[in-house]
Amino acid sequence: KFAMVAPDVQIDDGKGTILISSEEGETEANNHRKLSDFGIRNGTRLQADDFLQDYTLLINVLHSEDLEKDVEFEVVGDAPERIGPKPSEPTSKNISNGSDDGAQPSTSTGNQQ
């Protein structure tokens, strides 16, 4: 649903509990467990990172009794349709000394020793 290639998912609680790892076999033992086994409840936040795409997603878990029959979960919010390079931003043509790295001349007036 989120177009992630190799996600790492952890509970966003500062403890670093990893639920899903992109490293093969690292979290296979978690596959049969329920979210509640990890203390995940209504209001818990998860952080999903896909380092291959430089893509991070914060997920808010919300409990609902209003799901359709045989539906276990629903994704609500803005999910990207396609992941790809971000559109180019206009760049400034302010080139100094043959460099376009954005470096500016020093404006320091203090005594240097």
Protein backbone atom coordinates (compact mmCIF):
# COMPACT_ATOMS: atom_id res chain seq x y z
CA LYS A 1 0.00 0.00 0.00
CA PHE A 2 2.88 2.38 0.76
CA ALA A 3 5.12 1.30 -2.17
CA MET A 4 8.02 0.45 0.13
CA VAL A 5 10.75 -1.83 -1.22
CA ALA A 6 12.71 -2.86 1.88
CA PRO A 7 11.04 -1.35 4.95
CA ASP A 8 12.21 -1.36 8.54
CA VAL A 9 9.36 -0.76 10.99
CA GLN A 10 9.79 0.08 14.63
CA ILE A 11 7.60 1.31 17.46
CA ASP A 12 8.12 5.06 17.80
CA ASP A 13 8.52 4.95 21.58
CA GLY A 14 12.22 5.66 21.98
CA LYS A 15 13.04 2.01 22.80
CA GLY A 16 13.75 0.97 19.22
CA THR A 17 11.58 -2.16 19.18
CA ILE A 18 11.86 -3.45 15.61
CA LEU A 19 8.76 -5.16 14.19
CA ILE A 20 9.88 -5.61 10.57
CA SER A 21 13.46 -5.58 9.33
CA SER A 22 14.74 -5.34 5.79
CA GLU A 23 17.54 -7.71 6.86
CA GLU A 24 16.51 -11.23 5.83
CA GLY A 25 15.54 -13.45 8.78
CA GLU A 26 16.07 -10.78 11.44
CA THR A 27 12.39 -10.46 12.44
CA GLU A 28 10.84 -13.67 11.04
CA ALA A 29 9.81 -14.65 14.57
CA ASN A 30 7.45 -11.64 14.59
CA ASN A 31 5.46 -12.77 11.53
CA HIS A 32 2.91 -14.83 13.50
CA ARG A 33 2.53 -12.32 16.35
CA LYS A 34 -0.24 -9.75 16.70
CA LEU A 35 0.43 -6.05 17.16
CA SER A 36 -1.03 -6.27 20.67
CA ASP A 37 1.76 -8.75 21.55
CA PHE A 38 4.16 -5.81 21.23
CA GLY A 39 1.99 -3.46 23.32
CA ILE A 40 0.68 -1.67 20.25
CA ARG A 41 -2.71 -0.20 20.97
CA ASN A 42 -4.93 2.69 19.93
CA GLY A 43 -2.73 5.77 19.57
CA THR A 44 0.60 3.95 19.14
CA ARG A 45 2.93 5.41 16.51
CA LEU A 46 5.09 3.31 14.21
CA GLN A 47 7.99 4.56 12.11
CA ALA A 48 8.62 2.88 8.76
CA ASP A 49 11.88 3.59 6.93
CA ASP A 50 12.79 2.49 3.44
CA PHE A 51 16.46 3.39 3.12
CA LEU A 52 16.60 2.21 -0.49
CA GLN A 53 14.18 4.99 -1.44
CA ASP A 54 15.12 7.52 1.26
CA TYR A 55 11.51 7.32 2.43
CA THR A 56 10.22 7.57 6.03
CA LEU A 57 6.63 7.23 7.11
CA LEU A 58 5.00 7.77 10.52
CA ILE A 59 1.98 5.55 11.09
CA ASN A 60 -0.66 6.30 13.72
CA VAL A 61 -2.50 3.17 14.84
CA LEU A 62 -6.17 3.91 15.58
CA HIS A 63 -8.71 1.33 16.74
CA SER A 64 -12.02 1.21 14.90
CA GLU A 65 -15.14 -0.93 15.23
CA ASP A 66 -16.57 0.46 11.96
CA LEU A 67 -14.67 -1.69 9.44
CA GLU A 68 -16.52 -3.65 6.79
CA LYS A 69 -17.00 -7.38 7.21
CA ASP A 70 -13.76 -9.38 6.77
CA VAL A 71 -11.66 -6.19 6.71
CA GLU A 72 -8.89 -6.33 9.31
CA PHE A 73 -7.43 -2.87 8.79
CA GLU A 74 -7.78 0.25 6.70
CA VAL A 75 -5.17 2.76 5.59
CA VAL A 76 -6.44 6.30 5.92
CA GLY A 77 -4.44 9.30 4.80
CA ASP A 78 -2.23 10.31 1.96
CA ALA A 79 -0.43 7.29 0.53
CA PRO A 80 1.83 8.06 -2.40
CA GLU A 81 0.70 6.71 -5.75
CA ARG A 82 4.22 6.49 -7.09
CA ILE A 83 7.55 6.87 -5.39
CA GLY A 84 10.25 8.44 -7.47
CA PRO A 85 12.63 11.34 -7.61
CA LYS A 86 11.32 14.57 -6.23
CA PRO A 87 10.62 17.27 -8.83
CA SER A 88 13.56 19.56 -9.38
CA GLU A 89 13.49 22.78 -7.46
CA PRO A 90 14.54 25.95 -9.24
CA THR A 91 18.23 26.51 -8.64
CA SER A 92 19.91 29.84 -8.29
CA LYS A 93 22.48 30.72 -10.95
CA ASN A 94 24.58 32.62 -8.41
CA ILE A 95 27.97 31.09 -9.27
CA SER A 96 31.12 32.32 -7.57
CA ASN A 97 34.69 31.21 -8.37
CA GLY A 98 33.39 28.52 -10.70
CA SER A 99 31.53 26.76 -7.89
CA ASP A 100 27.78 26.29 -7.68
CA ASP A 101 27.76 24.67 -4.22
CA GLY A 102 25.96 27.61 -2.62
CA ALA A 103 28.99 28.74 -0.59
CA GLN A 104 28.92 32.41 0.23
CA PRO A 105 31.87 34.70 0.98
CA SER A 106 32.65 35.27 4.63
CA THR A 107 31.18 38.39 6.16
CA SER A 108 33.15 38.09 9.39
CA THR A 109 34.84 41.31 10.58
CA GLY A 110 36.47 39.91 13.71
CA ASN A 111 40.27 39.82 14.20
CA GLN A 112 41.75 36.54 13.11
CA GLN A 113 44.90 35.21 14.77
